[in-house]
Amino acid sequence: MSFNVRFHWMIGGAAAVLLFAGASLTAEAKPRRKNAAVQPAAAVTGLAASHDMRREGGRLCFSDHYHHGSSSAQPNQRAAQAQAARTWAEFTDLEYGSAWANYARASGKDMKCAESSAGWGCELSARPCR
């Protein structure tokens, strides 16, 4: 597991502890810019509600919050891309739930892949959408 994925798991775990400890992630805790993004829908709960969101092509997407995925030592570029997308989806699911964890629906995608002596690897970032 890459450092980037381990770091996100650590951050996600810390955020979950705060939620379960009764910490409040409300609009008062994070000021929102006027007209920059839509307020989260009433059905958006948990950590997802702490991010600015906007409508994009019929989807509700985080405005400026990216998640990351990575892969390494894969036999070919296609396998590396698929593994990076899976790590992105796994962490997104952990933090926000399965409604947000579909990489095909994500926005602002950026993926870079390279081949090394160990095989193919990719690093990606994308904003979760549902």
N, C-alpha and C. Protein backbone atom coordinates (compact mmCIF):
# COMPACT_ATOMS: atom_id res chain seq x y z
N MET A 1 0.85 -1.17 0.00
CA MET A 1 0.00 0.00 0.00
C MET A 1 0.90 1.23 0.00
N SER A 2 0.64 2.16 -0.88
CA SER A 2 1.50 3.34 -1.01
C SER A 2 1.33 4.28 0.18
N PHE A 3 2.28 5.16 0.33
CA PHE A 3 2.20 6.16 1.39
C PHE A 3 0.92 6.99 1.26
N ASN A 4 0.59 7.37 0.04
CA ASN A 4 -0.58 8.21 -0.21
C ASN A 4 -1.85 7.53 0.29
N VAL A 5 -2.01 6.24 0.01
CA VAL A 5 -3.20 5.51 0.45
C VAL A 5 -3.18 5.35 1.97
N ARG A 6 -2.01 5.00 2.54
CA ARG A 6 -1.93 4.88 4.00
C ARG A 6 -2.26 6.20 4.68
N PHE A 7 -1.76 7.31 4.12
CA PHE A 7 -2.04 8.62 4.69
C PHE A 7 -3.54 8.90 4.69
N HIS A 8 -4.21 8.61 3.58
CA HIS A 8 -5.65 8.86 3.50
C HIS A 8 -6.43 7.95 4.46
N TRP A 9 -5.99 6.70 4.63
CA TRP A 9 -6.64 5.83 5.61
C TRP A 9 -6.48 6.41 7.01
N MET A 10 -5.28 6.95 7.31
CA MET A 10 -5.04 7.53 8.62
C MET A 10 -5.94 8.75 8.83
N ILE A 11 -6.03 9.61 7.83
CA ILE A 11 -6.87 10.81 7.94
C ILE A 11 -8.34 10.41 8.08
N GLY A 12 -8.76 9.43 7.29
CA GLY A 12 -10.14 8.95 7.37
C GLY A 12 -10.46 8.39 8.74
N GLY A 13 -9.52 7.63 9.31
CA GLY A 13 -9.72 7.08 10.64
C GLY A 13 -9.82 8.17 11.69
N ALA A 14 -8.98 9.18 11.58
CA ALA A 14 -9.03 10.30 12.53
C ALA A 14 -10.35 11.04 12.41
N ALA A 15 -10.83 11.23 11.20
CA ALA A 15 -12.11 11.91 11.00
C ALA A 15 -13.25 11.09 11.58
N ALA A 16 -13.20 9.77 11.42
CA ALA A 16 -14.24 8.91 11.98
C ALA A 16 -14.24 8.99 13.50
N VAL A 17 -13.06 9.03 14.11
CA VAL A 17 -12.98 9.16 15.57
C VAL A 17 -13.63 10.46 16.02
N LEU A 18 -13.37 11.55 15.30
CA LEU A 18 -13.98 12.82 15.65
C LEU A 18 -15.50 12.75 15.56
N LEU A 19 -16.00 12.12 14.52
CA LEU A 19 -17.45 12.01 14.36
C LEU A 19 -18.06 11.20 15.48
N PHE A 20 -17.45 10.06 15.80
CA PHE A 20 -18.01 9.21 16.83
C PHE A 20 -17.80 9.79 18.22
N ALA A 21 -16.85 10.68 18.38
CA ALA A 21 -16.62 11.31 19.67
C ALA A 21 -17.58 12.48 19.90
N GLY A 22 -18.41 12.76 18.91
CA GLY A 22 -19.40 13.81 19.08
C GLY A 22 -18.97 15.15 18.54
N ALA A 23 -17.87 15.21 17.81
CA ALA A 23 -17.45 16.48 17.23
C ALA A 23 -18.46 16.89 16.18
N SER A 24 -18.72 18.15 16.08
CA SER A 24 -19.72 18.65 15.16
C SER A 24 -19.07 19.22 13.92
N LEU A 25 -19.45 18.71 12.73
CA LEU A 25 -18.98 19.24 11.46
C LEU A 25 -20.15 19.96 10.81
N THR A 26 -20.45 21.13 11.31
CA THR A 26 -21.60 21.87 10.81
C THR A 26 -21.14 23.07 10.01
N ALA A 27 -22.10 23.79 9.47
CA ALA A 27 -21.78 24.99 8.70
C ALA A 27 -21.03 26.00 9.56
N GLU A 28 -21.31 26.01 10.89
CA GLU A 28 -20.60 26.95 11.76
C GLU A 28 -19.13 26.57 11.88
N ALA A 29 -18.81 25.29 11.77
CA ALA A 29 -17.43 24.85 11.92
C ALA A 29 -16.59 25.19 10.69
N LYS A 30 -17.22 25.33 9.53
CA LYS A 30 -16.49 25.63 8.31
C LYS A 30 -17.27 26.69 7.54
N PRO A 31 -16.81 27.93 7.55
CA PRO A 31 -17.55 28.96 6.82
C PRO A 31 -17.62 28.63 5.33
N ARG A 32 -18.75 28.91 4.73
CA ARG A 32 -18.95 28.64 3.31
C ARG A 32 -18.95 29.95 2.54
N ARG A 33 -18.35 29.89 1.35
CA ARG A 33 -18.33 31.06 0.49
C ARG A 33 -19.69 31.20 -0.19
N LYS A 34 -20.20 32.39 -0.24
CA LYS A 34 -21.48 32.63 -0.91
C LYS A 34 -21.33 32.45 -2.41
N ASN A 35 -22.31 31.81 -3.01
CA ASN A 35 -22.39 31.60 -4.45
C ASN A 35 -21.26 30.76 -5.03
N ALA A 36 -20.37 30.21 -4.23
CA ALA A 36 -19.28 29.40 -4.74
C ALA A 36 -19.74 27.97 -5.01
N ALA A 37 -20.69 27.50 -4.21
CA ALA A 37 -21.16 26.13 -4.37
C ALA A 37 -22.52 25.99 -3.71
N VAL A 38 -23.23 24.94 -4.06
CA VAL A 38 -24.51 24.68 -3.44
C VAL A 38 -24.29 24.09 -2.06
N GLN A 39 -25.23 24.33 -1.17
CA GLN A 39 -25.18 23.69 0.13
C GLN A 39 -25.50 22.22 -0.05
N PRO A 40 -24.91 21.32 0.76
CA PRO A 40 -25.22 19.91 0.63
C PRO A 40 -26.72 19.67 0.82
N ALA A 41 -27.25 18.72 0.07
CA ALA A 41 -28.65 18.35 0.21
C ALA A 41 -28.88 17.78 1.59
N ALA A 42 -30.11 17.84 2.05
CA ALA A 42 -30.43 17.34 3.39
C ALA A 42 -30.06 15.87 3.55
N ALA A 43 -30.09 15.09 2.47
CA ALA A 43 -29.77 13.67 2.53
C ALA A 43 -28.27 13.41 2.64
N VAL A 44 -27.43 14.42 2.43
CA VAL A 44 -25.98 14.25 2.53
C VAL A 44 -25.61 14.34 4.00
N THR A 45 -25.00 13.29 4.50
CA THR A 45 -24.67 13.24 5.93
C THR A 45 -23.21 12.87 6.12
N GLY A 46 -22.79 12.80 7.36
CA GLY A 46 -21.44 12.38 7.69
C GLY A 46 -20.39 13.35 7.18
N LEU A 47 -19.25 12.81 6.81
CA LEU A 47 -18.13 13.63 6.37
C LEU A 47 -18.42 14.36 5.07
N ALA A 48 -19.25 13.80 4.21
CA ALA A 48 -19.56 14.44 2.93
C ALA A 48 -20.18 15.82 3.15
N ALA A 49 -20.97 15.97 4.18
CA ALA A 49 -21.64 17.25 4.45
C ALA A 49 -20.67 18.35 4.83
N SER A 50 -19.42 18.00 5.13
CA SER A 50 -18.44 19.02 5.53
C SER A 50 -17.76 19.68 4.33
N HIS A 51 -18.10 19.27 3.11
CA HIS A 51 -17.46 19.81 1.90
C HIS A 51 -18.44 20.64 1.08
N ASP A 52 -17.91 21.68 0.43
CA ASP A 52 -18.71 22.43 -0.54
C ASP A 52 -18.99 21.52 -1.72
N MET A 53 -20.19 21.65 -2.27
CA MET A 53 -20.60 20.81 -3.40
C MET A 53 -21.23 21.66 -4.48
N ARG A 54 -21.28 21.08 -5.68
CA ARG A 54 -21.95 21.75 -6.78
C ARG A 54 -22.51 20.69 -7.73
N ARG A 55 -23.50 21.10 -8.50
CA ARG A 55 -24.09 20.21 -9.51
C ARG A 55 -23.23 20.25 -10.76
N GLU A 56 -22.95 19.08 -11.30
CA GLU A 56 -22.18 18.95 -12.54
C GLU A 56 -22.84 17.86 -13.38
N GLY A 57 -23.49 18.24 -14.46
CA GLY A 57 -24.08 17.25 -15.36
C GLY A 57 -25.01 16.28 -14.68
N GLY A 58 -25.87 16.75 -13.81
CA GLY A 58 -26.82 15.88 -13.12
C GLY A 58 -26.26 15.15 -11.91
N ARG A 59 -24.99 15.38 -11.60
CA ARG A 59 -24.36 14.75 -10.44
C ARG A 59 -24.11 15.81 -9.38
N LEU A 60 -24.06 15.41 -8.14
CA LEU A 60 -23.65 16.28 -7.04
C LEU A 60 -22.20 15.93 -6.74
N CYS A 61 -21.30 16.91 -6.89
CA CYS A 61 -19.86 16.67 -6.76
C CYS A 61 -19.25 17.59 -5.72
N PHE A 62 -18.19 17.12 -5.08
CA PHE A 62 -17.42 18.00 -4.22
C PHE A 62 -16.81 19.08 -5.09
N SER A 63 -16.82 20.31 -4.63
CA SER A 63 -16.33 21.44 -5.43
C SER A 63 -14.82 21.45 -5.57
N ASP A 64 -14.12 21.22 -4.47
CA ASP A 64 -12.66 21.36 -4.52
C ASP A 64 -11.93 20.35 -3.63
N HIS A 65 -12.58 19.25 -3.31
CA HIS A 65 -11.96 18.23 -2.46
C HIS A 65 -11.67 16.99 -3.30
N TYR A 66 -10.40 16.66 -3.43
CA TYR A 66 -9.96 15.53 -4.25
C TYR A 66 -9.58 14.34 -3.38
N HIS A 67 -9.83 13.16 -3.90
CA HIS A 67 -9.32 11.94 -3.30
C HIS A 67 -8.28 11.37 -4.25
N HIS A 68 -7.40 10.52 -3.72
CA HIS A 68 -6.28 9.99 -4.48
C HIS A 68 -6.28 8.47 -4.44
N GLY A 69 -5.76 7.89 -5.49
CA GLY A 69 -5.59 6.45 -5.58
C GLY A 69 -4.25 6.16 -6.22
N SER A 70 -3.73 4.95 -6.00
CA SER A 70 -2.44 4.61 -6.58
C SER A 70 -2.34 3.11 -6.80
N SER A 71 -1.38 2.75 -7.63
CA SER A 71 -1.08 1.34 -7.87
C SER A 71 0.41 1.22 -8.17
N SER A 72 0.93 0.00 -8.08
CA SER A 72 2.32 -0.26 -8.43
C SER A 72 2.47 -1.74 -8.76
N ALA A 73 3.55 -2.04 -9.45
CA ALA A 73 3.94 -3.43 -9.76
C ALA A 73 2.84 -4.20 -10.49
N GLN A 74 2.13 -3.54 -11.38
CA GLN A 74 1.10 -4.21 -12.16
C GLN A 74 1.69 -4.68 -13.49
N PRO A 75 1.13 -5.74 -14.08
CA PRO A 75 1.72 -6.31 -15.29
C PRO A 75 1.58 -5.44 -16.54
N ASN A 76 0.59 -4.55 -16.56
CA ASN A 76 0.41 -3.67 -17.72
C ASN A 76 -0.29 -2.39 -17.28
N GLN A 77 -0.36 -1.42 -18.18
CA GLN A 77 -0.92 -0.12 -17.83
C GLN A 77 -2.41 -0.22 -17.49
N ARG A 78 -3.14 -1.04 -18.22
CA ARG A 78 -4.57 -1.16 -17.96
C ARG A 78 -4.82 -1.70 -16.55
N ALA A 79 -4.06 -2.70 -16.13
CA ALA A 79 -4.20 -3.25 -14.78
C ALA A 79 -3.82 -2.20 -13.73
N ALA A 80 -2.80 -1.41 -14.01
CA ALA A 80 -2.38 -0.35 -13.08
C ALA A 80 -3.47 0.71 -12.94
N GLN A 81 -4.10 1.08 -14.05
CA GLN A 81 -5.18 2.06 -14.00
C GLN A 81 -6.37 1.52 -13.19
N ALA A 82 -6.72 0.26 -13.44
CA ALA A 82 -7.84 -0.34 -12.71
C ALA A 82 -7.56 -0.43 -11.21
N GLN A 83 -6.33 -0.80 -10.84
CA GLN A 83 -5.98 -0.89 -9.42
C GLN A 83 -5.99 0.50 -8.76
N ALA A 84 -5.49 1.51 -9.44
CA ALA A 84 -5.51 2.87 -8.88
C ALA A 84 -6.96 3.33 -8.67
N ALA A 85 -7.83 3.05 -9.63
CA ALA A 85 -9.25 3.42 -9.48
C ALA A 85 -9.88 2.66 -8.32
N ARG A 86 -9.51 1.39 -8.12
CA ARG A 86 -10.04 0.63 -6.98
C ARG A 86 -9.60 1.22 -5.66
N THR A 87 -8.32 1.63 -5.55
CA THR A 87 -7.87 2.21 -4.27
C THR A 87 -8.57 3.54 -4.02
N TRP A 88 -8.83 4.32 -5.08
CA TRP A 88 -9.58 5.56 -4.95
C TRP A 88 -10.98 5.26 -4.42
N ALA A 89 -11.64 4.28 -5.03
CA ALA A 89 -13.01 3.95 -4.65
C ALA A 89 -13.09 3.38 -3.23
N GLU A 90 -12.12 2.55 -2.84
CA GLU A 90 -12.13 1.96 -1.50
C GLU A 90 -12.04 3.03 -0.42
N PHE A 91 -11.13 3.97 -0.59
CA PHE A 91 -11.01 5.01 0.42
C PHE A 91 -12.22 5.95 0.41
N THR A 92 -12.70 6.30 -0.78
CA THR A 92 -13.87 7.17 -0.87
C THR A 92 -15.07 6.50 -0.21
N ASP A 93 -15.25 5.20 -0.42
CA ASP A 93 -16.34 4.45 0.21
C ASP A 93 -16.19 4.48 1.72
N LEU A 94 -14.98 4.27 2.21
CA LEU A 94 -14.73 4.29 3.65
C LEU A 94 -15.12 5.64 4.26
N GLU A 95 -14.75 6.71 3.59
CA GLU A 95 -14.96 8.04 4.16
C GLU A 95 -16.37 8.59 3.93
N TYR A 96 -16.98 8.30 2.77
CA TYR A 96 -18.26 8.93 2.42
C TYR A 96 -19.38 7.96 2.09
N GLY A 97 -19.08 6.69 1.89
CA GLY A 97 -20.10 5.71 1.56
C GLY A 97 -20.10 5.38 0.07
N SER A 98 -20.78 4.30 -0.25
CA SER A 98 -20.74 3.77 -1.61
C SER A 98 -21.36 4.69 -2.65
N ALA A 99 -22.28 5.57 -2.26
CA ALA A 99 -22.88 6.48 -3.23
C ALA A 99 -21.84 7.42 -3.86
N TRP A 100 -20.77 7.69 -3.15
CA TRP A 100 -19.72 8.60 -3.63
C TRP A 100 -18.54 7.85 -4.25
N ALA A 101 -18.50 6.53 -4.16
CA ALA A 101 -17.29 5.76 -4.45
C ALA A 101 -17.24 5.17 -5.87
N ASN A 102 -17.95 5.73 -6.80
CA ASN A 102 -17.92 5.23 -8.18
C ASN A 102 -16.97 6.12 -8.98
N TYR A 103 -15.79 5.58 -9.32
CA TYR A 103 -14.80 6.38 -10.04
C TYR A 103 -15.32 6.84 -11.40
N ALA A 104 -16.18 6.07 -12.03
CA ALA A 104 -16.73 6.45 -13.33
C ALA A 104 -17.55 7.74 -13.22
N ARG A 105 -18.14 8.01 -12.06
CA ARG A 105 -18.94 9.23 -11.87
C ARG A 105 -18.10 10.40 -11.36
N ALA A 106 -16.88 10.17 -10.97
CA ALA A 106 -16.02 11.22 -10.40
C ALA A 106 -15.77 12.32 -11.41
N SER A 107 -15.37 13.47 -10.91
CA SER A 107 -15.10 14.64 -11.75
C SER A 107 -13.68 15.12 -11.51
N GLY A 108 -13.15 15.90 -12.44
CA GLY A 108 -11.81 16.46 -12.29
C GLY A 108 -10.73 15.40 -12.24
N LYS A 109 -10.91 14.33 -13.00
CA LYS A 109 -9.97 13.21 -12.97
C LYS A 109 -8.61 13.57 -13.57
N ASP A 110 -7.56 13.10 -12.90
CA ASP A 110 -6.20 13.24 -13.40
C ASP A 110 -5.45 11.96 -13.04
N MET A 111 -4.90 11.27 -14.06
CA MET A 111 -4.16 10.04 -13.81
C MET A 111 -2.84 10.08 -14.57
N LYS A 112 -1.78 9.72 -13.86
CA LYS A 112 -0.45 9.62 -14.46
C LYS A 112 0.07 8.23 -14.19
N CYS A 113 0.55 7.56 -15.25
CA CYS A 113 1.06 6.20 -15.15
C CYS A 113 2.48 6.14 -15.69
N ALA A 114 3.25 5.20 -15.17
CA ALA A 114 4.63 5.01 -15.64
C ALA A 114 5.01 3.56 -15.44
N GLU A 115 5.93 3.11 -16.29
CA GLU A 115 6.44 1.76 -16.17
C GLU A 115 7.82 1.81 -15.52
N SER A 116 8.07 0.88 -14.61
CA SER A 116 9.37 0.76 -13.96
C SER A 116 9.82 -0.69 -14.06
N SER A 117 10.95 -0.99 -13.48
CA SER A 117 11.44 -2.37 -13.50
C SER A 117 10.50 -3.31 -12.73
N ALA A 118 9.72 -2.78 -11.80
CA ALA A 118 8.78 -3.59 -11.02
C ALA A 118 7.45 -3.79 -11.75
N GLY A 119 7.19 -3.01 -12.78
CA GLY A 119 5.92 -3.09 -13.50
C GLY A 119 5.29 -1.71 -13.63
N TRP A 120 4.03 -1.70 -13.98
CA TRP A 120 3.30 -0.44 -14.17
C TRP A 120 2.71 0.07 -12.86
N GLY A 121 2.66 1.38 -12.72
CA GLY A 121 2.03 2.02 -11.58
C GLY A 121 1.36 3.31 -12.01
N CYS A 122 0.31 3.68 -11.30
CA CYS A 122 -0.43 4.92 -11.60
C CYS A 122 -0.74 5.67 -10.32
N GLU A 123 -0.83 6.97 -10.44
CA GLU A 123 -1.29 7.87 -9.38
C GLU A 123 -2.46 8.64 -9.97
N LEU A 124 -3.56 8.74 -9.23
CA LEU A 124 -4.71 9.49 -9.75
C LEU A 124 -5.32 10.35 -8.66
N SER A 125 -6.05 11.36 -9.09
CA SER A 125 -6.85 12.17 -8.20
C SER A 125 -8.16 12.49 -8.91
N ALA A 126 -9.22 12.62 -8.12
CA ALA A 126 -10.54 12.94 -8.67
C ALA A 126 -11.43 13.42 -7.54
N ARG A 127 -12.43 14.24 -7.92
CA ARG A 127 -13.42 14.70 -6.94
C ARG A 127 -14.60 13.74 -6.92
N PRO A 128 -14.98 13.23 -5.75
CA PRO A 128 -16.14 12.32 -5.68
C PRO A 128 -17.44 13.01 -6.08
N CYS A 129 -18.29 12.25 -6.77
CA CYS A 129 -19.62 12.70 -7.17
C CYS A 129 -20.61 11.57 -6.88
N ARG A 130 -21.88 11.95 -6.77
CA ARG A 130 -22.92 10.92 -6.67
C ARG A 130 -24.10 11.31 -7.51
